[in-house]
Amino acid sequence: MPFCPSLRIATMMAILLAPAVALANPFEIRVRDHRFVPDVVEVPAGQKIKLIVHNDDDEPEEFESYDLNREKIIRPGRSVTIFLPPMEPGEYTFFGEFHPETAQGRIIAK
């Protein structure tokens, strides 16, 4: 196969920029009525993820996940950004520490 510098450069750029795509296009979740909406978020496996959680309720909520080793309080009317490392394919649960009976969700890495 002949050497093609432009193909090699294009391939290298695609590899380098792939993680930036997931960070540039964040996934968003809202807290409404003590629930996460949506409660299931599908993300690409093997890429860094930027997750933004908005709290539309009048009370604080805490995004907590033992699977993802993340914990963040979201004040009413505020948003938080949570960065997640590249994940293996699978399901990762999260819940609201202040309303664990209703605020539950999953991130599915595919």
PDB file of N, CA and C in Angstrom:
ATOM      1  N   MET A   1       0.844  -1.176   0.000  1.00  0.00           N
ATOM      2  CA  MET A   1       0.000   0.000   0.000  1.00  0.00           C
ATOM      3  C   MET A   1       0.888   1.239   0.000  1.00  0.00           C
ATOM      4  N   PRO A   2       0.687   2.174  -0.909  1.00  0.00           N
ATOM      5  CA  PRO A   2       1.532   3.362  -0.979  1.00  0.00           C
ATOM      6  C   PRO A   2       1.286   4.279   0.214  1.00  0.00           C
ATOM      7  N   PHE A   3       2.307   4.996   0.576  1.00  0.00           N
ATOM      8  CA  PHE A   3       2.248   5.952   1.682  1.00  0.00           C
ATOM      9  C   PHE A   3       1.436   7.178   1.261  1.00  0.00           C
ATOM     10  N   CYS A   4       0.464   7.554   2.066  1.00  0.00           N
ATOM     11  CA  CYS A   4      -0.397   8.699   1.756  1.00  0.00           C
ATOM     12  C   CYS A   4      -0.389   9.645   2.957  1.00  0.00           C
ATOM     13  N   PRO A   5       0.433  10.691   2.896  1.00  0.00           N
ATOM     14  CA  PRO A   5       0.539  11.589   4.055  1.00  0.00           C
ATOM     15  C   PRO A   5      -0.788  12.235   4.444  1.00  0.00           C
ATOM     16  N   SER A   6      -1.625  12.615   3.485  1.00  0.00           N
ATOM     17  CA  SER A   6      -2.873  13.291   3.840  1.00  0.00           C
ATOM     18  C   SER A   6      -3.826  12.335   4.562  1.00  0.00           C
ATOM     19  N   LEU A   7      -3.851  11.059   4.169  1.00  0.00           N
ATOM     20  CA  LEU A   7      -4.688  10.082   4.855  1.00  0.00           C
ATOM     21  C   LEU A   7      -4.190   9.858   6.277  1.00  0.00           C
ATOM     22  N   ARG A   8      -2.885   9.805   6.422  1.00  0.00           N
ATOM     23  CA  ARG A   8      -2.297   9.605   7.748  1.00  0.00           C
ATOM     24  C   ARG A   8      -2.631  10.793   8.661  1.00  0.00           C
ATOM     25  N   ILE A   9      -2.533  12.004   8.146  1.00  0.00           N
ATOM     26  CA  ILE A   9      -2.848  13.202   8.932  1.00  0.00           C
ATOM     27  C   ILE A   9      -4.333  13.211   9.299  1.00  0.00           C
ATOM     28  N   ALA A  10      -5.199  12.885   8.342  1.00  0.00           N
ATOM     29  CA  ALA A  10      -6.640  12.865   8.606  1.00  0.00           C
ATOM     30  C   ALA A  10      -6.978  11.837   9.685  1.00  0.00           C
ATOM     31  N   THR A  11      -6.355  10.685   9.641  1.00  0.00           N
ATOM     32  CA  THR A  11      -6.596   9.642  10.638  1.00  0.00           C
ATOM     33  C   THR A  11      -6.141  10.100  12.018  1.00  0.00           C
ATOM     34  N   MET A  12      -4.972  10.710  12.078  1.00  0.00           N
ATOM     35  CA  MET A  12      -4.447  11.190  13.364  1.00  0.00           C
ATOM     36  C   MET A  12      -5.341  12.291  13.934  1.00  0.00           C
ATOM     37  N   MET A  13      -5.824  13.182  13.090  1.00  0.00           N
ATOM     38  CA  MET A  13      -6.701  14.259  13.558  1.00  0.00           C
ATOM     39  C   MET A  13      -8.013  13.681  14.099  1.00  0.00           C
ATOM     40  N   ALA A  14      -8.560  12.687  13.428  1.00  0.00           N
ATOM     41  CA  ALA A  14      -9.807  12.065  13.887  1.00  0.00           C
ATOM     42  C   ALA A  14      -9.612  11.418  15.253  1.00  0.00           C
ATOM     43  N   ILE A  15      -8.481  10.770  15.447  1.00  0.00           N
ATOM     44  CA  ILE A  15      -8.187  10.119  16.731  1.00  0.00           C
ATOM     45  C   ILE A  15      -8.039  11.164  17.830  1.00  0.00           C
ATOM     46  N   LEU A  16      -7.343  12.236  17.538  1.00  0.00           N
ATOM     47  CA  LEU A  16      -7.106  13.277  18.541  1.00  0.00           C
ATOM     48  C   LEU A  16      -8.365  14.070  18.871  1.00  0.00           C
ATOM     49  N   LEU A  17      -9.225  14.297  17.898  1.00  0.00           N
ATOM     50  CA  LEU A  17     -10.400  15.125  18.114  1.00  0.00           C
ATOM     51  C   LEU A  17     -11.612  14.359  18.621  1.00  0.00           C
ATOM     52  N   ALA A  18     -11.628  13.051  18.529  1.00  0.00           N
ATOM     53  CA  ALA A  18     -12.791  12.261  18.953  1.00  0.00           C
ATOM     54  C   ALA A  18     -13.191  12.545  20.397  1.00  0.00           C
ATOM     55  N   PRO A  19     -12.255  12.584  21.366  1.00  0.00           N
ATOM     56  CA  PRO A  19     -12.676  12.886  22.738  1.00  0.00           C
ATOM     57  C   PRO A  19     -13.274  14.279  22.868  1.00  0.00           C
ATOM     58  N   ALA A  20     -12.826  15.226  22.076  1.00  0.00           N
ATOM     59  CA  ALA A  20     -13.336  16.589  22.169  1.00  0.00           C
ATOM     60  C   ALA A  20     -14.785  16.683  21.724  1.00  0.00           C
ATOM     61  N   VAL A  21     -15.231  15.790  20.856  1.00  0.00           N
ATOM     62  CA  VAL A  21     -16.610  15.823  20.375  1.00  0.00           C
ATOM     63  C   VAL A  21     -17.569  15.598  21.533  1.00  0.00           C
ATOM     64  N   ALA A  22     -17.312  14.610  22.369  1.00  0.00           N
ATOM     65  CA  ALA A  22     -18.196  14.335  23.504  1.00  0.00           C
ATOM     66  C   ALA A  22     -18.162  15.473  24.518  1.00  0.00           C
ATOM     67  N   LEU A  23     -17.018  16.134  24.673  1.00  0.00           N
ATOM     68  CA  LEU A  23     -16.928  17.247  25.611  1.00  0.00           C
ATOM     69  C   LEU A  23     -17.599  18.495  25.041  1.00  0.00           C
ATOM     70  N   ALA A  24     -17.510  18.683  23.722  1.00  0.00           N
ATOM     71  CA  ALA A  24     -18.112  19.854  23.091  1.00  0.00           C
ATOM     72  C   ALA A  24     -19.630  19.727  23.025  1.00  0.00           C
ATOM     73  N   ASN A  25     -20.142  18.516  23.000  1.00  0.00           N
ATOM     74  CA  ASN A  25     -21.587  18.262  22.947  1.00  0.00           C
ATOM     75  C   ASN A  25     -22.014  17.603  24.247  1.00  0.00           C
ATOM     76  N   PRO A  26     -22.272  18.405  25.282  1.00  0.00           N
ATOM     77  CA  PRO A  26     -22.578  17.817  26.590  1.00  0.00           C
ATOM     78  C   PRO A  26     -23.931  17.108  26.616  1.00  0.00           C
ATOM     79  N   PHE A  27     -24.047  16.191  27.544  1.00  0.00           N
ATOM     80  CA  PHE A  27     -25.302  15.510  27.827  1.00  0.00           C
ATOM     81  C   PHE A  27     -25.945  16.259  28.987  1.00  0.00           C
ATOM     82  N   GLU A  28     -27.262  16.450  28.933  1.00  0.00           N
ATOM     83  CA  GLU A  28     -27.931  17.249  29.955  1.00  0.00           C
ATOM     84  C   GLU A  28     -29.047  16.463  30.629  1.00  0.00           C
ATOM     85  N   ILE A  29     -29.152  16.695  31.937  1.00  0.00           N
ATOM     86  CA  ILE A  29     -30.200  16.098  32.768  1.00  0.00           C
ATOM     87  C   ILE A  29     -30.800  17.236  33.590  1.00  0.00           C
ATOM     88  N   ARG A  30     -32.091  17.162  33.840  1.00  0.00           N
ATOM     89  CA  ARG A  30     -32.760  18.159  34.670  1.00  0.00           C
ATOM     90  C   ARG A  30     -33.328  17.469  35.909  1.00  0.00           C
ATOM     91  N   VAL A  31     -33.363  18.190  37.020  1.00  0.00           N
ATOM     92  CA  VAL A  31     -34.050  17.732  38.222  1.00  0.00           C
ATOM     93  C   VAL A  31     -35.398  18.451  38.231  1.00  0.00           C
ATOM     94  N   ARG A  32     -36.479  17.657  38.165  1.00  0.00           N
ATOM     95  CA  ARG A  32     -37.851  18.195  38.182  1.00  0.00           C
ATOM     96  C   ARG A  32     -38.689  17.316  39.090  1.00  0.00           C
ATOM     97  N   ASP A  33     -39.375  17.945  40.031  1.00  0.00           N
ATOM     98  CA  ASP A  33     -40.245  17.203  40.954  1.00  0.00           C
ATOM     99  C   ASP A  33     -39.491  16.060  41.628  1.00  0.00           C
ATOM    100  N   HIS A  34     -38.270  16.325  42.012  1.00  0.00           N
ATOM    101  CA  HIS A  34     -37.416  15.353  42.715  1.00  0.00           C
ATOM    102  C   HIS A  34     -37.136  14.110  41.885  1.00  0.00           C
ATOM    103  N   ARG A  35     -37.062  14.291  40.560  1.00  0.00           N
ATOM    104  CA  ARG A  35     -36.722  13.203  39.634  1.00  0.00           C
ATOM    105  C   ARG A  35     -35.700  13.717  38.628  1.00  0.00           C
ATOM    106  N   PHE A  36     -34.896  12.801  38.099  1.00  0.00           N
ATOM    107  CA  PHE A  36     -33.982  13.150  37.019  1.00  0.00           C
ATOM    108  C   PHE A  36     -34.697  12.944  35.687  1.00  0.00           C
ATOM    109  N   VAL A  37     -34.620  13.950  34.820  1.00  0.00           N
ATOM    110  CA  VAL A  37     -35.276  13.902  33.514  1.00  0.00           C
ATOM    111  C   VAL A  37     -34.249  14.261  32.445  1.00  0.00           C
ATOM    112  N   PRO A  38     -33.911  13.341  31.546  1.00  0.00           N
ATOM    113  CA  PRO A  38     -34.353  11.955  31.503  1.00  0.00           C
ATOM    114  C   PRO A  38     -33.646  11.145  32.591  1.00  0.00           C
ATOM    115  N   ASP A  39     -34.218  10.013  32.918  1.00  0.00           N
ATOM    116  CA  ASP A  39     -33.599   9.177  33.944  1.00  0.00           C
ATOM    117  C   ASP A  39     -32.650   8.133  33.357  1.00  0.00           C
ATOM    118  N   VAL A  40     -32.619   8.043  32.028  1.00  0.00           N
ATOM    119  CA  VAL A  40     -31.659   7.172  31.341  1.00  0.00           C
ATOM    120  C   VAL A  40     -30.973   8.007  30.261  1.00  0.00           C
ATOM    121  N   VAL A  41     -29.644   8.017  30.304  1.00  0.00           N
ATOM    122  CA  VAL A  41     -28.848   8.766  29.333  1.00  0.00           C
ATOM    123  C   VAL A  41     -27.882   7.798  28.669  1.00  0.00           C
ATOM    124  N   GLU A  42     -27.923   7.745  27.340  1.00  0.00           N
ATOM    125  CA  GLU A  42     -26.985   6.902  26.592  1.00  0.00           C
ATOM    126  C   GLU A  42     -25.818   7.758  26.127  1.00  0.00           C
ATOM    127  N   VAL A  43     -24.603   7.276  26.392  1.00  0.00           N
ATOM    128  CA  VAL A  43     -23.390   7.994  26.018  1.00  0.00           C
ATOM    129  C   VAL A  43     -22.460   7.036  25.270  1.00  0.00           C
ATOM    130  N   PRO A  44     -21.535   7.579  24.488  1.00  0.00           N
ATOM    131  CA  PRO A  44     -20.584   6.699  23.812  1.00  0.00           C
ATOM    132  C   PRO A  44     -19.549   6.153  24.799  1.00  0.00           C
ATOM    133  N   ALA A  45     -19.297   4.867  24.725  1.00  0.00           N
ATOM    134  CA  ALA A  45     -18.265   4.247  25.563  1.00  0.00           C
ATOM    135  C   ALA A  45     -16.894   4.695  25.056  1.00  0.00           C
ATOM    136  N   GLY A  46     -15.937   4.750  25.972  1.00  0.00           N
ATOM    137  CA  GLY A  46     -14.561   5.039  25.594  1.00  0.00           C
ATOM    138  C   GLY A  46     -14.265   6.498  25.307  1.00  0.00           C
ATOM    139  N   GLN A  47     -15.178   7.416  25.650  1.00  0.00           N
ATOM    140  CA  GLN A  47     -14.945   8.850  25.434  1.00  0.00           C
ATOM    141  C   GLN A  47     -15.196   9.618  26.723  1.00  0.00           C
ATOM    142  N   LYS A  48     -14.465  10.699  26.916  1.00  0.00           N
ATOM    143  CA  LYS A  48     -14.737  11.583  28.042  1.00  0.00           C
ATOM    144  C   LYS A  48     -16.100  12.213  27.819  1.00  0.00           C
ATOM    145  N   ILE A  49     -16.840  12.371  28.896  1.00  0.00           N
ATOM    146  CA  ILE A  49     -18.203  12.881  28.816  1.00  0.00           C
ATOM    147  C   ILE A  49     -18.345  14.132  29.682  1.00  0.00           C
ATOM    148  N   LYS A  50     -19.053  15.110  29.146  1.00  0.00           N
ATOM    149  CA  LYS A  50     -19.422  16.305  29.898  1.00  0.00           C
ATOM    150  C   LYS A  50     -20.918  16.206  30.164  1.00  0.00           C
ATOM    151  N   LEU A  51     -21.283  16.121  31.430  1.00  0.00           N
ATOM    152  CA  LEU A  51     -22.675  15.991  31.847  1.00  0.00           C
ATOM    153  C   LEU A  51     -23.062  17.261  32.595  1.00  0.00           C
ATOM    154  N   ILE A  52     -24.146  17.907  32.150  1.00  0.00           N
ATOM    155  CA  ILE A  52     -24.638  19.100  32.830  1.00  0.00           C
ATOM    156  C   ILE A  52     -25.962  18.740  33.489  1.00  0.00           C
ATOM    157  N   VAL A  53     -26.055  19.002  34.799  1.00  0.00           N
ATOM    158  CA  VAL A  53     -27.271  18.709  35.553  1.00  0.00           C
ATOM    159  C   VAL A  53     -27.876  20.034  36.012  1.00  0.00           C
ATOM    160  N   HIS A  54     -29.107  20.294  35.588  1.00  0.00           N
ATOM    161  CA  HIS A  54     -29.835  21.515  35.940  1.00  0.00           C
ATOM    162  C   HIS A  54     -30.853  21.176  37.029  1.00  0.00           C
ATOM    163  N   ASN A  55     -30.961  22.019  38.036  1.00  0.00           N
ATOM    164  CA  ASN A  55     -31.953  21.801  39.085  1.00  0.00           C
ATOM    165  C   ASN A  55     -33.092  22.800  38.908  1.00  0.00           C
ATOM    166  N   ASP A  56     -34.236  22.319  38.420  1.00  0.00           N
ATOM    167  CA  ASP A  56     -35.418  23.159  38.229  1.00  0.00           C
ATOM    168  C   ASP A  56     -36.313  23.194  39.468  1.00  0.00           C
ATOM    169  N   ASP A  57     -35.979  22.427  40.493  1.00  0.00           N
ATOM    170  CA  ASP A  57     -36.786  22.381  41.715  1.00  0.00           C
ATOM    171  C   ASP A  57     -36.460  23.567  42.633  1.00  0.00           C
ATOM    172  N   ASP A  58     -37.288  23.718  43.674  1.00  0.00           N
ATOM    173  CA  ASP A  58     -37.097  24.788  44.661  1.00  0.00           C
ATOM    174  C   ASP A  58     -36.230  24.348  45.834  1.00  0.00           C
ATOM    175  N   GLU A  59     -35.740  23.127  45.776  1.00  0.00           N
ATOM    176  CA  GLU A  59     -34.898  22.583  46.836  1.00  0.00           C
ATOM    177  C   GLU A  59     -33.598  22.071  46.230  1.00  0.00           C
ATOM    178  N   PRO A  60     -32.540  22.017  47.034  1.00  0.00           N
ATOM    179  CA  PRO A  60     -31.299  21.454  46.499  1.00  0.00           C
ATOM    180  C   PRO A  60     -31.437  19.955  46.270  1.00  0.00           C
ATOM    181  N   GLU A  61     -30.598  19.450  45.391  1.00  0.00           N
ATOM    182  CA  GLU A  61     -30.504  18.004  45.155  1.00  0.00           C
ATOM    183  C   GLU A  61     -29.026  17.688  44.997  1.00  0.00           C
ATOM    184  N   GLU A  62     -28.691  16.443  45.228  1.00  0.00           N
ATOM    185  CA  GLU A  62     -27.304  16.016  45.072  1.00  0.00           C
ATOM    186  C   GLU A  62     -27.243  14.884  44.056  1.00  0.00           C
ATOM    187  N   PHE A  63     -26.432  15.076  43.034  1.00  0.00           N
ATOM    188  CA  PHE A  63     -26.164  14.006  42.069  1.00  0.00           C
ATOM    189  C   PHE A  63     -25.110  13.127  42.718  1.00  0.00           C
ATOM    190  N   GLU A  64     -25.455  11.871  42.920  1.00  0.00           N
ATOM    191  CA  GLU A  64     -24.503  10.948  43.551  1.00  0.00           C
ATOM    192  C   GLU A  64     -24.465   9.645  42.780  1.00  0.00           C
ATOM    193  N   SER A  65     -23.247   9.136  42.582  1.00  0.00           N
ATOM    194  CA  SER A  65     -23.076   7.856  41.911  1.00  0.00           C
ATOM    195  C   SER A  65     -21.879   7.134  42.494  1.00  0.00           C
ATOM    196  N   TYR A  66     -22.144   5.979  43.076  1.00  0.00           N
ATOM    197  CA  TYR A  66     -21.053   5.140  43.557  1.00  0.00           C
ATOM    198  C   TYR A  66     -20.319   4.527  42.362  1.00  0.00           C
ATOM    199  N   ASP A  67     -21.081   4.174  41.318  1.00  0.00           N
ATOM    200  CA  ASP A  67     -20.488   3.557  40.127  1.00  0.00           C
ATOM    201  C   ASP A  67     -19.505   4.497  39.431  1.00  0.00           C
ATOM    202  N   LEU A  68     -19.837   5.794  39.421  1.00  0.00           N
ATOM    203  CA  LEU A  68     -19.010   6.787  38.717  1.00  0.00           C
ATOM    204  C   LEU A  68     -18.084   7.556  39.655  1.00  0.00           C
ATOM    205  N   ASN A  69     -18.207   7.292  40.956  1.00  0.00           N
ATOM    206  CA  ASN A  69     -17.402   7.979  41.963  1.00  0.00           C
ATOM    207  C   ASN A  69     -17.564   9.502  41.851  1.00  0.00           C
ATOM    208  N   ARG A  70     -18.827   9.939  41.787  1.00  0.00           N
ATOM    209  CA  ARG A  70     -19.132  11.365  41.650  1.00  0.00           C
ATOM    210  C   ARG A  70     -20.204  11.755  42.655  1.00  0.00           C
ATOM    211  N   GLU A  71     -20.093  13.012  43.133  1.00  0.00           N
ATOM    212  CA  GLU A  71     -21.034  13.534  44.105  1.00  0.00           C
ATOM    213  C   GLU A  71     -21.004  15.061  43.990  1.00  0.00           C
ATOM    214  N   LYS A  72     -22.155  15.647  43.666  1.00  0.00           N
ATOM    215  CA  LYS A  72     -22.226  17.109  43.517  1.00  0.00           C
ATOM    216  C   LYS A  72     -23.581  17.615  43.946  1.00  0.00           C
ATOM    217  N   ILE A  73     -23.596  18.660  44.751  1.00  0.00           N
ATOM    218  CA  ILE A  73     -24.836  19.302  45.162  1.00  0.00           C
ATOM    219  C   ILE A  73     -25.217  20.329  44.098  1.00  0.00           C
ATOM    220  N   ILE A  74     -26.512  20.335  43.756  1.00  0.00           N
ATOM    221  CA  ILE A  74     -27.025  21.291  42.780  1.00  0.00           C
ATOM    222  C   ILE A  74     -28.057  22.160  43.500  1.00  0.00           C
ATOM    223  N   ARG A  75     -27.739  23.410  43.659  1.00  0.00           N
ATOM    224  CA  ARG A  75     -28.655  24.336  44.338  1.00  0.00           C
ATOM    225  C   ARG A  75     -29.862  24.627  43.445  1.00  0.00           C
ATOM    226  N   PRO A  76     -30.973  25.040  44.036  1.00  0.00           N
ATOM    227  CA  PRO A  76     -32.174  25.346  43.247  1.00  0.00           C
ATOM    228  C   PRO A  76     -31.891  26.408  42.178  1.00  0.00           C
ATOM    229  N   GLY A  77     -32.386  26.154  40.974  1.00  0.00           N
ATOM    230  CA  GLY A  77     -32.208  27.104  39.882  1.00  0.00           C
ATOM    231  C   GLY A  77     -30.805  27.166  39.323  1.00  0.00           C
ATOM    232  N   ARG A  78     -29.942  26.277  39.740  1.00  0.00           N
ATOM    233  CA  ARG A  78     -28.545  26.264  39.298  1.00  0.00           C
ATOM    234  C   ARG A  78     -28.239  25.020  38.496  1.00  0.00           C
ATOM    235  N   SER A  79     -27.055  25.006  37.909  1.00  0.00           N
ATOM    236  CA  SER A  79     -26.566  23.857  37.147  1.00  0.00           C
ATOM    237  C   SER A  79     -25.159  23.526  37.598  1.00  0.00           C
ATOM    238  N   VAL A  80     -24.788  22.272  37.441  1.00  0.00           N
ATOM    239  CA  VAL A  80     -23.410  21.845  37.689  1.00  0.00           C
ATOM    240  C   VAL A  80     -22.929  21.054  36.482  1.00  0.00           C
ATOM    241  N   THR A  81     -21.641  21.106  36.268  1.00  0.00           N
ATOM    242  CA  THR A  81     -21.014  20.328  35.199  1.00  0.00           C
ATOM    243  C   THR A  81     -20.203  19.216  35.838  1.00  0.00           C
ATOM    244  N   ILE A  82     -20.408  18.022  35.338  1.00  0.00           N
ATOM    245  CA  ILE A  82     -19.712  16.841  35.849  1.00  0.00           C
ATOM    246  C   ILE A  82     -18.963  16.211  34.678  1.00  0.00           C
ATOM    247  N   PHE A  83     -17.662  16.082  34.802  1.00  0.00           N
ATOM    248  CA  PHE A  83     -16.860  15.440  33.767  1.00  0.00           C
ATOM    249  C   PHE A  83     -16.655  13.976  34.142  1.00  0.00           C
ATOM    250  N   LEU A  84     -16.905  13.109  33.176  1.00  0.00           N
ATOM    251  CA  LEU A  84     -16.757  11.674  33.387  1.00  0.00           C
ATOM    252  C   LEU A  84     -15.646  11.144  32.495  1.00  0.00           C
ATOM    253  N   PRO A  85     -14.832  10.252  33.019  1.00  0.00           N
ATOM    254  CA  PRO A  85     -13.757   9.675  32.217  1.00  0.00           C
ATOM    255  C   PRO A  85     -14.330   8.698  31.181  1.00  0.00           C
ATOM    256  N   PRO A  86     -13.519   8.278  30.232  1.00  0.00           N
ATOM    257  CA  PRO A  86     -13.990   7.243  29.293  1.00  0.00           C
ATOM    258  C   PRO A  86     -14.474   6.017  30.075  1.00  0.00           C
ATOM    259  N   MET A  87     -15.653   5.531  29.709  1.00  0.00           N
ATOM    260  CA  MET A  87     -16.255   4.409  30.427  1.00  0.00           C
ATOM    261  C   MET A  87     -16.291   3.162  29.550  1.00  0.00           C
ATOM    262  N   GLU A  88     -16.181   2.027  30.188  1.00  0.00           N
ATOM    263  CA  GLU A  88     -16.391   0.753  29.507  1.00  0.00           C
ATOM    264  C   GLU A  88     -17.875   0.632  29.189  1.00  0.00           C
ATOM    265  N   PRO A  89     -18.253  -0.131  28.167  1.00  0.00           N
ATOM    266  CA  PRO A  89     -19.674  -0.356  27.914  1.00  0.00           C
ATOM    267  C   PRO A  89     -20.346  -0.943  29.158  1.00  0.00           C
ATOM    268  N   GLY A  90     -21.531  -0.439  29.472  1.00  0.00           N
ATOM    269  CA  GLY A  90     -22.259  -0.934  30.637  1.00  0.00           C
ATOM    270  C   GLY A  90     -23.202   0.109  31.189  1.00  0.00           C
ATOM    271  N   GLU A  91     -23.806  -0.220  32.333  1.00  0.00           N
ATOM    272  CA  GLU A  91     -24.743   0.681  33.000  1.00  0.00           C
ATOM    273  C   GLU A  91     -24.139   1.204  34.292  1.00  0.00           C
ATOM    274  N   TYR A  92     -24.352   2.479  34.538  1.00  0.00           N
ATOM    275  CA  TYR A  92     -23.824   3.155  35.708  1.00  0.00           C
ATOM    276  C   TYR A  92     -24.990   3.894  36.373  1.00  0.00           C
ATOM    277  N   THR A  93     -25.270   3.576  37.617  1.00  0.00           N
ATOM    278  CA  THR A  93     -26.424   4.180  38.284  1.00  0.00           C
ATOM    279  C   THR A  93     -26.034   5.469  39.000  1.00  0.00           C
ATOM    280  N   PHE A  94     -27.036   6.342  39.154  1.00  0.00           N
ATOM    281  CA  PHE A  94     -26.883   7.550  39.955  1.00  0.00           C
ATOM    282  C   PHE A  94     -28.204   7.817  40.662  1.00  0.00           C
ATOM    283  N   PHE A  95     -28.170   8.656  41.697  1.00  0.00           N
ATOM    284  CA  PHE A  95     -29.384   8.959  42.444  1.00  0.00           C
ATOM    285  C   PHE A  95     -29.253  10.331  43.092  1.00  0.00           C
ATOM    286  N   GLY A  96     -30.378  10.849  43.550  1.00  0.00           N
ATOM    287  CA  GLY A  96     -30.389  12.107  44.289  1.00  0.00           C
ATOM    288  C   GLY A  96     -30.310  11.801  45.770  1.00  0.00           C
ATOM    289  N   GLU A  97     -29.270  12.259  46.385  1.00  0.00           N
ATOM    290  CA  GLU A  97     -29.041  11.976  47.806  1.00  0.00           C
ATOM    291  C   GLU A  97     -30.185  12.488  48.690  1.00  0.00           C
ATOM    292  N   PHE A  98     -30.809  13.605  48.317  1.00  0.00           N
ATOM    293  CA  PHE A  98     -31.850  14.188  49.152  1.00  0.00           C
ATOM    294  C   PHE A  98     -33.236  13.592  48.887  1.00  0.00           C
ATOM    295  N   HIS A  99     -33.417  12.925  47.752  1.00  0.00           N
ATOM    296  CA  HIS A  99     -34.687  12.271  47.409  1.00  0.00           C
ATOM    297  C   HIS A  99     -34.403  10.937  46.710  1.00  0.00           C
ATOM    298  N   PRO A 100     -33.739  10.018  47.398  1.00  0.00           N
ATOM    299  CA  PRO A 100     -33.308   8.773  46.746  1.00  0.00           C
ATOM    300  C   PRO A 100     -34.458   7.863  46.311  1.00  0.00           C
ATOM    301  N   GLU A 101     -35.643   8.055  46.909  1.00  0.00           N
ATOM    302  CA  GLU A 101     -36.772   7.208  46.532  1.00  0.00           C
ATOM    303  C   GLU A 101     -37.328   7.566  45.152  1.00  0.00           C
ATOM    304  N   THR A 102     -37.140   8.809  44.698  1.00  0.00           N
ATOM    305  CA  THR A 102     -37.669   9.219  43.392  1.00  0.00           C
ATOM    306  C   THR A 102     -36.581   9.630  42.406  1.00  0.00           C
ATOM    307  N   ALA A 103     -35.520  10.232  42.895  1.00  0.00           N
ATOM    308  CA  ALA A 103     -34.460  10.737  42.008  1.00  0.00           C
ATOM    309  C   ALA A 103     -33.448   9.625  41.752  1.00  0.00           C
ATOM    310  N   GLN A 104     -33.702   8.856  40.696  1.00  0.00           N
ATOM    311  CA  GLN A 104     -32.839   7.738  40.333  1.00  0.00           C
ATOM    312  C   GLN A 104     -32.623   7.747  38.829  1.00  0.00           C
ATOM    313  N   GLY A 105     -31.465   7.286  38.411  1.00  0.00           N
ATOM    314  CA  GLY A 105     -31.211   7.230  36.972  1.00  0.00           C
ATOM    315  C   GLY A 105     -30.054   6.322  36.626  1.00  0.00           C
ATOM    316  N   ARG A 106     -29.824   6.200  35.305  1.00  0.00           N
ATOM    317  CA  ARG A 106     -28.750   5.350  34.793  1.00  0.00           C
ATOM    318  C   ARG A 106     -28.084   6.034  33.613  1.00  0.00           C
ATOM    319  N   ILE A 107     -26.804   5.841  33.529  1.00  0.00           N
ATOM    320  CA  ILE A 107     -26.054   6.211  32.333  1.00  0.00           C
ATOM    321  C   ILE A 107     -25.662   4.910  31.668  1.00  0.00           C
ATOM    322  N   ILE A 108     -25.967   4.794  30.390  1.00  0.00           N
ATOM    323  CA  ILE A 108     -25.635   3.574  29.638  1.00  0.00           C
ATOM    324  C   ILE A 108     -24.565   3.947  28.628  1.00  0.00           C
ATOM    325  N   ALA A 109     -23.395   3.349  28.790  1.00  0.00           N
ATOM    326  CA  ALA A 109     -22.291   3.575  27.858  1.00  0.00           C
ATOM    327  C   ALA A 109     -22.331   2.478  26.814  1.00  0.00           C
ATOM    328  N   LYS A 110     -22.403   2.885  25.541  1.00  0.00           N
ATOM    329  CA  LYS A 110     -22.454   1.927  24.433  1.00  0.00           C
ATOM    330  C   LYS A 110     -21.294   2.158  23.489  1.00  0.00           C
TER     331      LYS A 110
END
